[in-house]
Amino acid sequence: MNDSQHIIAPAILPGNPAKPCPELLTEEEAILYLRLNTVEIADPSATLRRYRDQGVLRATQVSKRLFYRRVELDRFLERVTEENLR
């Protein structure tokens, strides 16, 4: 197998290894996916809202609820990783 033929395992939400991660995540699932629940943040929902307000994370409105596409969360993580030189 060469470098261009790598296998990508399906995403799994923390805490539920038997269930694959959906493509469209609720706010609670997005918090788990980004692991905001594992750091000392008083209000992870407010953190997601701030990311949206700053334009660094996009949400998708379906009916009256906001959801997060997994691909958008992955893009957000890529940008944060590229900007963080640690």
C-alpha atoms as a PDB file:
ATOM      1  CA  MET A   1       0.000   0.000   0.000  1.00  0.00           C
ATOM      2  CA  ASN A   2       1.485   3.363  -0.955  1.00  0.00           C
ATOM      3  CA  ASP A   3       0.994   6.746   0.767  1.00  0.00           C
ATOM      4  CA  SER A   4      -2.027   7.647  -1.358  1.00  0.00           C
ATOM      5  CA  GLN A   5      -3.885   4.453  -0.388  1.00  0.00           C
ATOM      6  CA  HIS A   6      -4.459   4.830   3.320  1.00  0.00           C
ATOM      7  CA  ILE A   7      -7.379   3.387   5.214  1.00  0.00           C
ATOM      8  CA  ILE A   8      -9.532   5.791   7.210  1.00  0.00           C
ATOM      9  CA  ALA A   9     -11.400   4.246  10.113  1.00  0.00           C
ATOM     10  CA  PRO A  10     -14.959   5.445  10.668  1.00  0.00           C
ATOM     11  CA  ALA A  11     -15.292   8.173  13.283  1.00  0.00           C
ATOM     12  CA  ILE A  12     -16.644   7.125  16.659  1.00  0.00           C
ATOM     13  CA  LEU A  13     -18.017   9.509  19.273  1.00  0.00           C
ATOM     14  CA  PRO A  14     -16.236   9.276  22.629  1.00  0.00           C
ATOM     15  CA  GLY A  15     -18.198   7.244  25.129  1.00  0.00           C
ATOM     16  CA  ASN A  16     -20.044   5.075  22.584  1.00  0.00           C
ATOM     17  CA  PRO A  17     -17.586   2.877  20.657  1.00  0.00           C
ATOM     18  CA  ALA A  18     -20.352   0.624  19.321  1.00  0.00           C
ATOM     19  CA  LYS A  19     -22.046   3.426  17.362  1.00  0.00           C
ATOM     20  CA  PRO A  20     -20.391   5.196  14.418  1.00  0.00           C
ATOM     21  CA  CYS A  21     -20.399   8.975  14.456  1.00  0.00           C
ATOM     22  CA  PRO A  22     -23.189  10.466  12.320  1.00  0.00           C
ATOM     23  CA  GLU A  23     -22.457  12.919   9.510  1.00  0.00           C
ATOM     24  CA  LEU A  24     -24.810  15.480  11.075  1.00  0.00           C
ATOM     25  CA  LEU A  25     -24.197  16.074  14.781  1.00  0.00           C
ATOM     26  CA  THR A  26     -26.307  17.702  17.455  1.00  0.00           C
ATOM     27  CA  GLU A  27     -24.749  20.339  19.689  1.00  0.00           C
ATOM     28  CA  GLU A  28     -24.152  17.742  22.387  1.00  0.00           C
ATOM     29  CA  GLU A  29     -22.484  15.382  19.902  1.00  0.00           C
ATOM     30  CA  ALA A  30     -20.325  18.221  18.526  1.00  0.00           C
ATOM     31  CA  ILE A  31     -19.176  18.969  22.066  1.00  0.00           C
ATOM     32  CA  LEU A  32     -18.152  15.317  22.452  1.00  0.00           C
ATOM     33  CA  TYR A  33     -16.527  15.220  19.004  1.00  0.00           C
ATOM     34  CA  LEU A  34     -14.410  18.305  19.763  1.00  0.00           C
ATOM     35  CA  ARG A  35     -13.819  16.981  23.292  1.00  0.00           C
ATOM     36  CA  LEU A  36     -14.909  20.277  24.804  1.00  0.00           C
ATOM     37  CA  ASN A  37     -16.324  18.265  27.689  1.00  0.00           C
ATOM     38  CA  THR A  38     -12.819  17.111  28.683  1.00  0.00           C
ATOM     39  CA  VAL A  39     -11.350  20.555  29.306  1.00  0.00           C
ATOM     40  CA  GLU A  40     -12.288  23.013  31.985  1.00  0.00           C
ATOM     41  CA  ILE A  41     -14.914  25.010  30.074  1.00  0.00           C
ATOM     42  CA  ALA A  42     -17.869  26.185  32.139  1.00  0.00           C
ATOM     43  CA  ASP A  43     -20.276  26.250  29.181  1.00  0.00           C
ATOM     44  CA  PRO A  44     -19.245  24.206  26.100  1.00  0.00           C
ATOM     45  CA  SER A  45     -22.419  25.342  24.297  1.00  0.00           C
ATOM     46  CA  ALA A  46     -21.323  28.964  24.654  1.00  0.00           C
ATOM     47  CA  THR A  47     -17.925  27.998  23.254  1.00  0.00           C
ATOM     48  CA  LEU A  48     -19.573  26.533  20.130  1.00  0.00           C
ATOM     49  CA  ARG A  49     -21.702  29.675  19.833  1.00  0.00           C
ATOM     50  CA  ARG A  50     -18.581  31.860  20.081  1.00  0.00           C
ATOM     51  CA  TYR A  51     -16.863  29.817  17.357  1.00  0.00           C
ATOM     52  CA  ARG A  52     -19.930  30.312  15.140  1.00  0.00           C
ATOM     53  CA  ASP A  53     -20.106  34.041  15.897  1.00  0.00           C
ATOM     54  CA  GLN A  54     -16.399  34.421  15.076  1.00  0.00           C
ATOM     55  CA  GLY A  55     -16.957  32.615  11.783  1.00  0.00           C
ATOM     56  CA  VAL A  56     -14.471  29.833  12.521  1.00  0.00           C
ATOM     57  CA  LEU A  57     -17.085  27.063  12.734  1.00  0.00           C
ATOM     58  CA  ARG A  58     -20.173  26.708  10.575  1.00  0.00           C
ATOM     59  CA  ALA A  59     -23.416  25.114  11.662  1.00  0.00           C
ATOM     60  CA  THR A  60     -26.326  23.942   9.532  1.00  0.00           C
ATOM     61  CA  GLN A  61     -29.877  24.841  10.441  1.00  0.00           C
ATOM     62  CA  VAL A  62     -32.426  22.087   9.848  1.00  0.00           C
ATOM     63  CA  SER A  63     -35.937  23.130  10.758  1.00  0.00           C
ATOM     64  CA  LYS A  64     -35.442  25.131  13.957  1.00  0.00           C
ATOM     65  CA  ARG A  65     -32.310  23.349  15.220  1.00  0.00           C
ATOM     66  CA  LEU A  66     -28.634  23.819  14.561  1.00  0.00           C
ATOM     67  CA  PHE A  67     -26.515  20.839  13.631  1.00  0.00           C
ATOM     68  CA  TYR A  68     -22.836  20.457  12.858  1.00  0.00           C
ATOM     69  CA  ARG A  69     -21.634  18.563   9.814  1.00  0.00           C
ATOM     70  CA  ARG A  70     -18.772  16.285  10.744  1.00  0.00           C
ATOM     71  CA  VAL A  71     -16.785  17.583   7.777  1.00  0.00           C
ATOM     72  CA  GLU A  72     -17.115  21.137   9.168  1.00  0.00           C
ATOM     73  CA  LEU A  73     -15.858  19.991  12.560  1.00  0.00           C
ATOM     74  CA  ASP A  74     -12.907  18.276  10.862  1.00  0.00           C
ATOM     75  CA  ARG A  75     -12.121  21.459   8.861  1.00  0.00           C
ATOM     76  CA  PHE A  76     -12.261  23.467  12.077  1.00  0.00           C
ATOM     77  CA  LEU A  77      -9.824  21.042  13.727  1.00  0.00           C
ATOM     78  CA  GLU A  78      -7.479  21.226  10.720  1.00  0.00           C
ATOM     79  CA  ARG A  79      -7.423  25.046  10.859  1.00  0.00           C
ATOM     80  CA  VAL A  80      -6.856  25.095  14.621  1.00  0.00           C
ATOM     81  CA  THR A  81      -4.075  22.529  14.285  1.00  0.00           C
ATOM     82  CA  GLU A  82      -2.364  24.490  11.489  1.00  0.00           C
ATOM     83  CA  GLU A  83      -2.537  27.729  13.514  1.00  0.00           C
ATOM     84  CA  ASN A  84      -1.236  26.077  16.687  1.00  0.00           C
ATOM     85  CA  LEU A  85       2.500  25.606  16.363  1.00  0.00           C
ATOM     86  CA  ARG A  86       2.903  23.494  19.513  1.00  0.00           C
END
